[in-house]
Amino acid sequence: MQSGLDLFHKNMIKDRRKTIVIFLVSLLILVLVFGISVCHRTDGTGFISPENAIKNILSAITHKLAGITKNPAGYSMGEYSSYTDYQETMDNLNSVFITMAAGGILALSGAVYQNVFRNPLAAPTMLGVASGINAGLLLFVLHYSSAALIMQKERYLYTYSCALGMLALVLAAGKLAGKRKFAANDMLLVGVVITQLVSIVITYFQFNMSLENLEMFQNFSMGRLTSITGMSRVIFVSIIVVGIIPIYLLRYSLNVISFSDEDAYTMGIHTGILRIVVLVFATLLVTASIIHCGSIGVISMIVPYITRYLYGSDFRKMFYSCFIMGAIMLLICRDITNALSAVFGFIPVGIFVSLIGSPVFFCMLVNARRVENDT
């Protein structure tokens, strides 16, 4: 008996050390990719030297502190390599932080969806949320036309309302198909059907839109990271704070919800209310990412799968690891698309993310089928 307990403790210590090593390596990779992304020019033509990038960032901090303390001498203390490199470093820094946040919260949201639906293939893109965002953008452009470019608050109102409405429709239709029970497979199938129907409607309106509205809709749906400034940045950060805090507080309960409802009830957890709460906040995070970065929903499917393979299925670990891995993946895709854009013209980051995600998704399907055959 004692030898069995000793073996159990040894395995626990071994797994803990393995998790710490993987986590530290992931952090190191994130720091390296962050540094490369900040130095990588936005037009993809080359790099700003690390020395100049650090000098530009320190100069910006010095100027900011001088403005806060109202010390005119502080403005002369900050030195930068050149104004062009300084401005590009600041634009890069803004874009890199937004990219990290978008990739991180999207991967985290995907992990929430997969835990709630107890299916590693569940993702916001399969449950109609991404289509709801595009439908909201379409309604927004059709309603405001050329004035849509300056109406940021209304754009967020349309997209968030349609995304949450689509989620509610899928959950209601799936529950009805499952005879008022939570049937994850039924909801996923309903989500796929509704997504296709919404895509057909969006395609129809695209063919009948004016060229000005069509170009505006395409620019909105593709997303541009460098356009997040001013009010957009405030709203983006606010949504992240509002959405991520409840998920962090409920991370222990999300472990329980991945089991059967009967097991959760014995632990005093009402799964129905918990599902609605976490799905609403996860949908807010998904919308915040896609509305700015375009069609990058594939990250919400493949990153949780990778982190679950590396760290295990404990959501307390996945909360941090998904954020880090999602940030790394989207940063790498951003840098590659910037480099390709210098040769082929502007390429949305969502296209490259989908290009990478397709073979990974195929491997996930093959592995899932293999597990089913083994069981």
Protein backbone atom coordinates (compact mmCIF):
# COMPACT_ATOMS: atom_id res chain seq x y z
CA MET A 1 0.00 0.00 0.00
CA GLN A 2 2.78 2.37 0.96
CA SER A 3 4.74 1.58 -2.21
CA GLY A 4 1.64 2.38 -4.27
CA LEU A 5 1.29 5.78 -2.58
CA ASP A 6 4.98 6.48 -3.09
CA LEU A 7 4.67 5.67 -6.78
CA PHE A 8 1.63 7.96 -7.03
CA HIS A 9 3.51 10.85 -5.39
CA LYS A 10 6.54 10.28 -7.62
CA ASN A 11 4.35 10.43 -10.72
CA MET A 12 2.71 13.60 -9.45
CA ILE A 13 6.08 15.27 -8.87
CA LYS A 14 7.30 14.12 -12.28
CA ASP A 15 4.20 15.51 -14.03
CA ARG A 16 4.50 18.79 -12.12
CA ARG A 17 8.12 19.22 -13.14
CA LYS A 18 7.27 18.42 -16.74
CA THR A 19 4.48 21.01 -16.72
CA ILE A 20 6.78 23.67 -15.23
CA VAL A 21 9.48 22.99 -17.84
CA ILE A 22 6.98 23.18 -20.73
CA PHE A 23 5.47 26.35 -19.27
CA LEU A 24 8.87 28.06 -18.94
CA VAL A 25 9.85 27.04 -22.45
CA SER A 26 6.55 28.45 -23.75
CA LEU A 27 7.19 31.73 -21.93
CA LEU A 28 10.70 31.90 -23.40
CA ILE A 29 9.34 31.32 -26.91
CA LEU A 30 6.71 34.04 -26.33
CA VAL A 31 9.41 36.53 -25.27
CA LEU A 32 11.55 35.70 -28.32
CA VAL A 33 8.62 35.96 -30.73
CA PHE A 34 7.55 39.21 -29.03
CA GLY A 35 11.02 40.70 -29.56
CA ILE A 36 11.14 39.62 -33.21
CA SER A 37 7.64 40.99 -33.84
CA VAL A 38 8.47 44.38 -32.36
CA CYS A 39 11.61 44.65 -34.52
CA HIS A 40 9.92 43.33 -37.67
CA ARG A 41 8.88 46.20 -39.93
CA THR A 42 5.15 46.33 -40.68
CA ASP A 43 5.76 46.36 -44.44
CA GLY A 44 7.75 43.11 -44.12
CA THR A 45 10.85 44.55 -45.79
CA GLY A 46 13.29 44.04 -42.93
CA PHE A 47 13.98 44.58 -39.24
CA ILE A 48 14.67 47.45 -36.90
CA SER A 49 17.80 46.68 -34.91
CA PRO A 50 17.08 45.50 -31.34
CA GLU A 51 19.26 48.33 -30.01
CA ASN A 52 17.23 50.98 -31.84
CA ALA A 53 13.93 49.33 -30.87
CA ILE A 54 14.87 49.38 -27.18
CA LYS A 55 16.06 52.99 -27.49
CA ASN A 56 12.76 53.98 -29.13
CA ILE A 57 10.68 52.26 -26.42
CA LEU A 58 12.71 53.87 -23.61
CA SER A 59 12.31 57.23 -25.34
CA ALA A 60 8.54 56.77 -25.50
CA ILE A 61 8.44 55.87 -21.78
CA THR A 62 10.54 58.93 -20.93
CA HIS A 63 8.25 61.22 -22.92
CA LYS A 64 5.17 59.69 -21.33
CA LEU A 65 6.56 60.16 -17.82
CA ALA A 66 7.53 63.74 -18.69
CA GLY A 67 3.94 64.39 -19.73
CA ILE A 68 2.56 62.87 -16.53
CA THR A 69 4.98 64.72 -14.23
CA LYS A 70 4.80 67.90 -16.36
CA ASN A 71 8.57 68.06 -16.53
CA PRO A 72 9.68 69.78 -19.80
CA ALA A 73 13.26 68.60 -19.27
CA GLY A 74 12.12 65.02 -19.67
CA TYR A 75 11.29 65.53 -23.34
CA SER A 76 14.90 66.33 -24.18
CA MET A 77 16.17 63.29 -22.26
CA GLY A 78 14.44 60.75 -24.49
CA GLU A 79 16.46 59.96 -27.59
CA TYR A 80 15.41 57.77 -30.50
CA SER A 81 17.27 56.44 -33.53
CA SER A 82 15.16 58.22 -36.16
CA TYR A 83 11.61 59.51 -36.28
CA THR A 84 10.61 56.93 -38.91
CA ASP A 85 11.96 54.02 -36.86
CA TYR A 86 10.48 55.51 -33.68
CA GLN A 87 7.00 55.77 -35.20
CA GLU A 88 7.22 52.28 -36.68
CA THR A 89 8.37 50.83 -33.35
CA MET A 90 5.39 52.42 -31.58
CA ASP A 91 2.97 51.14 -34.24
CA ASN A 92 4.55 47.69 -33.99
CA LEU A 93 4.30 47.70 -30.20
CA ASN A 94 0.61 48.57 -30.35
CA SER A 95 -0.04 45.90 -32.98
CA VAL A 96 1.99 43.24 -31.12
CA PHE A 97 0.14 43.76 -27.82
CA ILE A 98 -3.23 43.62 -29.57
CA THR A 99 -2.17 40.50 -31.47
CA MET A 100 -1.02 38.76 -28.28
CA ALA A 101 -4.26 39.62 -26.50
CA ALA A 102 -6.44 38.57 -29.45
CA GLY A 103 -4.69 35.23 -29.92
CA GLY A 104 -4.66 34.53 -26.19
CA ILE A 105 -8.32 35.25 -25.47
CA LEU A 106 -9.45 33.43 -28.62
CA ALA A 107 -7.56 30.27 -27.61
CA LEU A 108 -8.91 30.58 -24.07
CA SER A 109 -12.47 30.94 -25.40
CA GLY A 110 -12.00 27.84 -27.52
CA ALA A 111 -10.94 25.89 -24.42
CA VAL A 112 -14.10 27.07 -22.65
CA TYR A 113 -16.29 25.97 -25.56
CA GLN A 114 -14.62 22.56 -25.70
CA ASN A 115 -15.01 22.03 -21.95
CA VAL A 116 -18.65 23.08 -21.95
CA PHE A 117 -19.59 20.90 -24.93
CA ARG A 118 -17.23 18.07 -23.87
CA ASN A 119 -15.97 17.86 -27.42
CA PRO A 120 -12.41 18.69 -28.60
CA LEU A 121 -13.81 19.76 -31.98
CA ALA A 122 -16.22 22.33 -30.55
CA ALA A 123 -15.34 25.91 -31.46
CA PRO A 124 -17.10 29.27 -31.90
CA THR A 125 -16.73 28.88 -35.67
CA MET A 126 -18.83 25.68 -35.57
CA LEU A 127 -21.51 27.14 -33.32
CA GLY A 128 -22.42 30.12 -35.48
CA VAL A 129 -20.66 32.82 -33.43
CA ALA A 130 -18.23 33.77 -36.21
CA SER A 131 -21.11 33.87 -38.71
CA GLY A 132 -23.08 36.01 -36.28
CA ILE A 133 -20.21 38.52 -36.17
CA ASN A 134 -20.12 38.71 -39.98
CA ALA A 135 -23.90 39.08 -40.07
CA GLY A 136 -23.63 41.96 -37.60
CA LEU A 137 -21.00 43.65 -39.76
CA LEU A 138 -23.20 43.19 -42.81
CA LEU A 139 -26.23 44.77 -41.11
CA PHE A 140 -24.03 47.56 -39.81
CA VAL A 141 -22.65 48.40 -43.28
CA LEU A 142 -26.08 48.15 -44.95
CA HIS A 143 -27.62 50.47 -42.35
CA TYR A 144 -24.95 53.16 -42.14
CA SER A 145 -23.24 52.82 -45.55
CA SER A 146 -20.35 55.30 -45.92
CA ALA A 147 -20.90 56.68 -42.41
CA ALA A 148 -19.93 53.28 -40.96
CA LEU A 149 -16.25 54.21 -41.00
CA ILE A 150 -16.63 56.71 -38.16
CA MET A 151 -19.29 54.90 -36.09
CA GLN A 152 -17.23 52.64 -33.84
CA LYS A 153 -19.72 52.22 -30.97
CA GLU A 154 -22.49 51.17 -33.34
CA ARG A 155 -20.17 48.61 -34.99
CA TYR A 156 -19.52 46.97 -31.63
CA LEU A 157 -23.23 47.05 -30.77
CA TYR A 158 -24.20 45.28 -33.99
CA THR A 159 -21.48 42.63 -33.85
CA TYR A 160 -21.80 41.74 -30.17
CA SER A 161 -25.59 41.62 -30.38
CA CYS A 162 -25.56 39.33 -33.42
CA ALA A 163 -22.85 37.07 -31.95
CA LEU A 164 -24.76 36.60 -28.67
CA GLY A 165 -28.03 36.23 -30.57
CA MET A 166 -26.55 33.51 -32.76
CA LEU A 167 -25.23 31.67 -29.70
CA ALA A 168 -28.67 31.85 -28.05
CA LEU A 169 -30.32 30.56 -31.25
CA VAL A 170 -27.94 27.60 -31.50
CA LEU A 171 -28.35 26.69 -27.82
CA ALA A 172 -32.15 26.94 -28.02
CA ALA A 173 -32.39 24.94 -31.27
CA GLY A 174 -29.92 22.35 -29.99
CA LYS A 175 -31.81 21.93 -26.74
CA LEU A 176 -35.06 21.56 -28.64
CA ALA A 177 -33.49 18.91 -30.88
CA GLY A 178 -32.16 17.13 -27.80
CA LYS A 179 -35.63 17.04 -26.17
CA ARG A 180 -34.77 19.82 -23.67
CA LYS A 181 -31.57 18.10 -22.57
CA PHE A 182 -28.04 19.34 -23.11
CA ALA A 183 -27.00 17.29 -26.13
CA ALA A 184 -23.60 18.56 -27.24
CA ASN A 185 -23.55 16.69 -30.57
CA ASP A 186 -27.02 17.97 -31.50
CA MET A 187 -25.98 21.55 -30.75
CA LEU A 188 -22.82 21.20 -32.84
CA LEU A 189 -24.84 19.88 -35.78
CA VAL A 190 -27.41 22.66 -35.40
CA GLY A 191 -24.57 25.19 -35.23
CA VAL A 192 -23.07 23.91 -38.49
CA VAL A 193 -26.45 24.09 -40.25
CA ILE A 194 -27.22 27.61 -39.01
CA THR A 195 -23.70 28.75 -39.93
CA GLN A 196 -24.23 27.55 -43.50
CA LEU A 197 -27.60 29.29 -43.74
CA VAL A 198 -26.19 32.58 -42.47
CA SER A 199 -23.24 32.30 -44.86
CA ILE A 200 -25.65 31.86 -47.79
CA VAL A 201 -27.60 34.97 -46.74
CA ILE A 202 -24.38 37.00 -46.38
CA THR A 203 -23.20 35.84 -49.83
CA TYR A 204 -26.53 36.88 -51.38
CA PHE A 205 -26.31 40.40 -49.95
CA GLN A 206 -22.67 40.69 -51.03
CA PHE A 207 -23.70 40.13 -54.65
CA ASN A 208 -26.32 42.88 -54.39
CA MET A 209 -24.32 45.46 -52.43
CA SER A 210 -22.81 48.55 -53.97
CA LEU A 211 -19.06 48.43 -54.63
CA GLU A 212 -18.43 50.96 -51.84
CA ASN A 213 -20.37 48.95 -49.26
CA LEU A 214 -18.85 45.68 -50.45
CA GLU A 215 -15.30 46.99 -50.07
CA MET A 216 -16.16 48.38 -46.63
CA PHE A 217 -17.68 45.08 -45.50
CA GLN A 218 -14.65 43.12 -46.71
CA ASN A 219 -12.26 45.45 -44.90
CA PHE A 220 -14.27 45.11 -41.69
CA SER A 221 -14.58 41.32 -41.94
CA MET A 222 -10.86 40.83 -42.69
CA GLY A 223 -9.79 42.98 -39.75
CA ARG A 224 -6.68 45.12 -39.50
CA LEU A 225 -4.62 45.02 -36.30
CA THR A 226 -3.02 48.42 -36.91
CA SER A 227 -6.44 50.13 -36.95
CA ILE A 228 -7.01 49.56 -33.21
CA THR A 229 -6.45 52.98 -31.69
CA GLY A 230 -8.27 55.41 -29.44
CA MET A 231 -11.81 54.34 -28.59
CA SER A 232 -11.35 50.92 -30.25
CA ARG A 233 -8.46 50.12 -27.92
CA VAL A 234 -10.46 51.19 -24.85
CA ILE A 235 -13.42 49.01 -25.83
CA PHE A 236 -11.15 46.08 -26.71
CA VAL A 237 -9.33 46.17 -23.36
CA SER A 238 -12.61 46.66 -21.46
CA ILE A 239 -14.18 43.60 -23.09
CA ILE A 240 -11.11 41.52 -22.27
CA VAL A 241 -11.27 42.52 -18.60
CA VAL A 242 -15.04 41.94 -18.40
CA GLY A 243 -14.81 38.57 -20.14
CA ILE A 244 -11.66 37.07 -18.67
CA ILE A 245 -12.27 37.73 -14.95
CA PRO A 246 -15.42 35.51 -14.63
CA ILE A 247 -13.72 32.70 -16.57
CA TYR A 248 -10.70 32.95 -14.26
CA LEU A 249 -12.92 32.81 -11.17
CA LEU A 250 -14.83 29.81 -12.56
CA ARG A 251 -11.77 27.87 -13.75
CA TYR A 252 -12.21 25.24 -11.04
CA SER A 253 -15.88 24.72 -11.93
CA LEU A 254 -14.99 24.33 -15.60
CA ASN A 255 -13.07 21.19 -14.67
CA VAL A 256 -16.24 19.72 -13.15
CA ILE A 257 -18.48 20.72 -16.05
CA SER A 258 -16.41 18.57 -18.40
CA PHE A 259 -17.79 15.50 -16.59
CA SER A 260 -21.41 14.37 -16.58
CA ASP A 261 -24.20 16.55 -15.20
CA GLU A 262 -24.89 14.02 -12.46
CA ASP A 263 -21.32 14.28 -11.16
CA ALA A 264 -21.49 18.07 -11.24
CA TYR A 265 -24.79 18.13 -9.33
CA THR A 266 -23.31 15.95 -6.58
CA MET A 267 -20.62 18.63 -6.14
CA GLY A 268 -23.22 21.38 -5.84
CA ILE A 269 -22.68 22.92 -9.29
CA HIS A 270 -25.68 23.91 -11.41
CA THR A 271 -24.39 23.10 -14.89
CA GLY A 272 -27.17 24.90 -16.78
CA ILE A 273 -26.46 28.31 -15.27
CA LEU A 274 -22.69 27.79 -15.39
CA ARG A 275 -22.78 26.93 -19.11
CA ILE A 276 -24.75 30.05 -19.99
CA VAL A 277 -22.49 32.32 -17.93
CA VAL A 278 -19.17 31.06 -19.29
CA LEU A 279 -20.44 30.83 -22.88
CA VAL A 280 -21.66 34.43 -22.80
CA PHE A 281 -18.33 35.75 -21.54
CA ALA A 282 -16.35 33.49 -23.88
CA THR A 283 -18.44 34.77 -26.80
CA LEU A 284 -17.60 38.35 -25.82
CA LEU A 285 -13.89 37.46 -25.98
CA VAL A 286 -14.29 35.70 -29.33
CA THR A 287 -16.10 38.69 -30.79
CA ALA A 288 -13.44 41.08 -29.51
CA SER A 289 -10.78 39.05 -31.32
CA ILE A 290 -12.53 38.41 -34.63
CA ILE A 291 -13.91 41.92 -35.04
CA HIS A 292 -10.35 43.31 -35.06
CA CYS A 293 -8.29 40.46 -36.50
CA GLY A 294 -10.68 38.91 -39.02
CA SER A 295 -11.35 35.22 -39.57
CA ILE A 296 -8.91 33.71 -37.09
CA GLY A 297 -11.43 31.43 -35.39
CA VAL A 298 -9.35 28.35 -36.24
CA ILE A 299 -7.07 29.28 -33.32
CA SER A 300 -9.93 28.63 -30.91
CA MET A 301 -10.03 25.03 -32.13
CA ILE A 302 -6.43 23.95 -32.60
CA VAL A 303 -4.62 25.77 -29.77
CA PRO A 304 -6.67 24.17 -26.94
CA TYR A 305 -6.07 20.80 -28.58
CA ILE A 306 -2.30 21.39 -28.58
CA THR A 307 -2.23 22.68 -24.99
CA ARG A 308 -4.33 19.77 -23.81
CA TYR A 309 -1.75 17.43 -25.33
CA LEU A 310 1.15 19.29 -23.66
CA TYR A 311 -0.33 20.25 -20.28
CA GLY A 312 -3.23 17.86 -19.77
CA SER A 313 -6.95 18.58 -19.52
CA ASP A 314 -6.87 20.43 -16.18
CA PHE A 315 -8.49 23.80 -16.98
CA ARG A 316 -6.48 25.52 -14.24
CA LYS A 317 -3.38 24.85 -16.35
CA MET A 318 -5.13 25.43 -19.66
CA PHE A 319 -6.24 28.90 -18.59
CA TYR A 320 -2.64 30.15 -18.68
CA SER A 321 -1.22 27.84 -21.33
CA CYS A 322 -3.95 28.56 -23.89
CA PHE A 323 -3.35 32.29 -23.55
CA ILE A 324 0.40 31.90 -24.07
CA MET A 325 0.14 29.41 -26.97
CA GLY A 326 -2.58 31.44 -28.70
CA ALA A 327 -0.47 34.60 -28.43
CA ILE A 328 2.58 32.80 -29.87
CA MET A 329 0.67 31.33 -32.80
CA LEU A 330 -1.03 34.58 -33.83
CA LEU A 331 2.21 36.57 -33.49
CA ILE A 332 4.04 34.12 -35.75
CA CYS A 333 1.21 34.20 -38.31
CA ARG A 334 1.21 38.00 -38.19
CA ASP A 335 4.94 38.23 -38.91
CA ILE A 336 4.75 35.72 -41.76
CA THR A 337 1.80 37.49 -43.40
CA ASN A 338 3.61 40.84 -43.09
CA ALA A 339 6.62 39.33 -44.88
CA LEU A 340 4.44 37.80 -47.61
CA SER A 341 2.47 41.03 -48.00
CA ALA A 342 5.69 42.81 -49.03
CA VAL A 343 5.82 40.49 -52.06
CA PHE A 344 2.19 39.67 -52.89
CA GLY A 345 0.33 42.67 -51.50
CA PHE A 346 -1.86 42.81 -48.40
CA ILE A 347 -2.71 39.35 -47.04
CA PRO A 348 -5.15 39.09 -44.11
CA VAL A 349 -3.70 37.17 -41.19
CA GLY A 350 -6.87 35.06 -41.07
CA ILE A 351 -6.02 33.46 -44.42
CA PHE A 352 -2.66 32.23 -43.20
CA VAL A 353 -4.13 31.06 -39.87
CA SER A 354 -6.71 29.00 -41.76
CA LEU A 355 -4.00 27.64 -44.04
CA ILE A 356 -2.04 26.37 -41.03
CA GLY A 357 -5.13 25.25 -39.17
CA SER A 358 -6.48 22.99 -41.92
CA PRO A 359 -3.81 20.23 -41.67
CA VAL A 360 -3.85 20.47 -37.88
CA PHE A 361 -7.63 20.07 -37.91
CA PHE A 362 -7.27 17.02 -40.15
CA CYS A 363 -4.80 15.48 -37.69
CA MET A 364 -7.28 16.16 -34.88
CA LEU A 365 -10.03 14.30 -36.74
CA VAL A 366 -7.74 11.34 -37.42
CA ASN A 367 -6.63 11.21 -33.79
CA ALA A 368 -10.23 11.46 -32.53
CA ARG A 369 -11.28 8.60 -34.81
CA ARG A 370 -8.30 6.53 -33.60
CA VAL A 371 -9.30 7.08 -29.96
CA GLU A 372 -12.87 6.01 -30.76
CA ASN A 373 -11.62 2.82 -32.39
CA ASP A 374 -9.36 2.04 -29.43
CA THR A 375 -12.22 2.43 -26.98
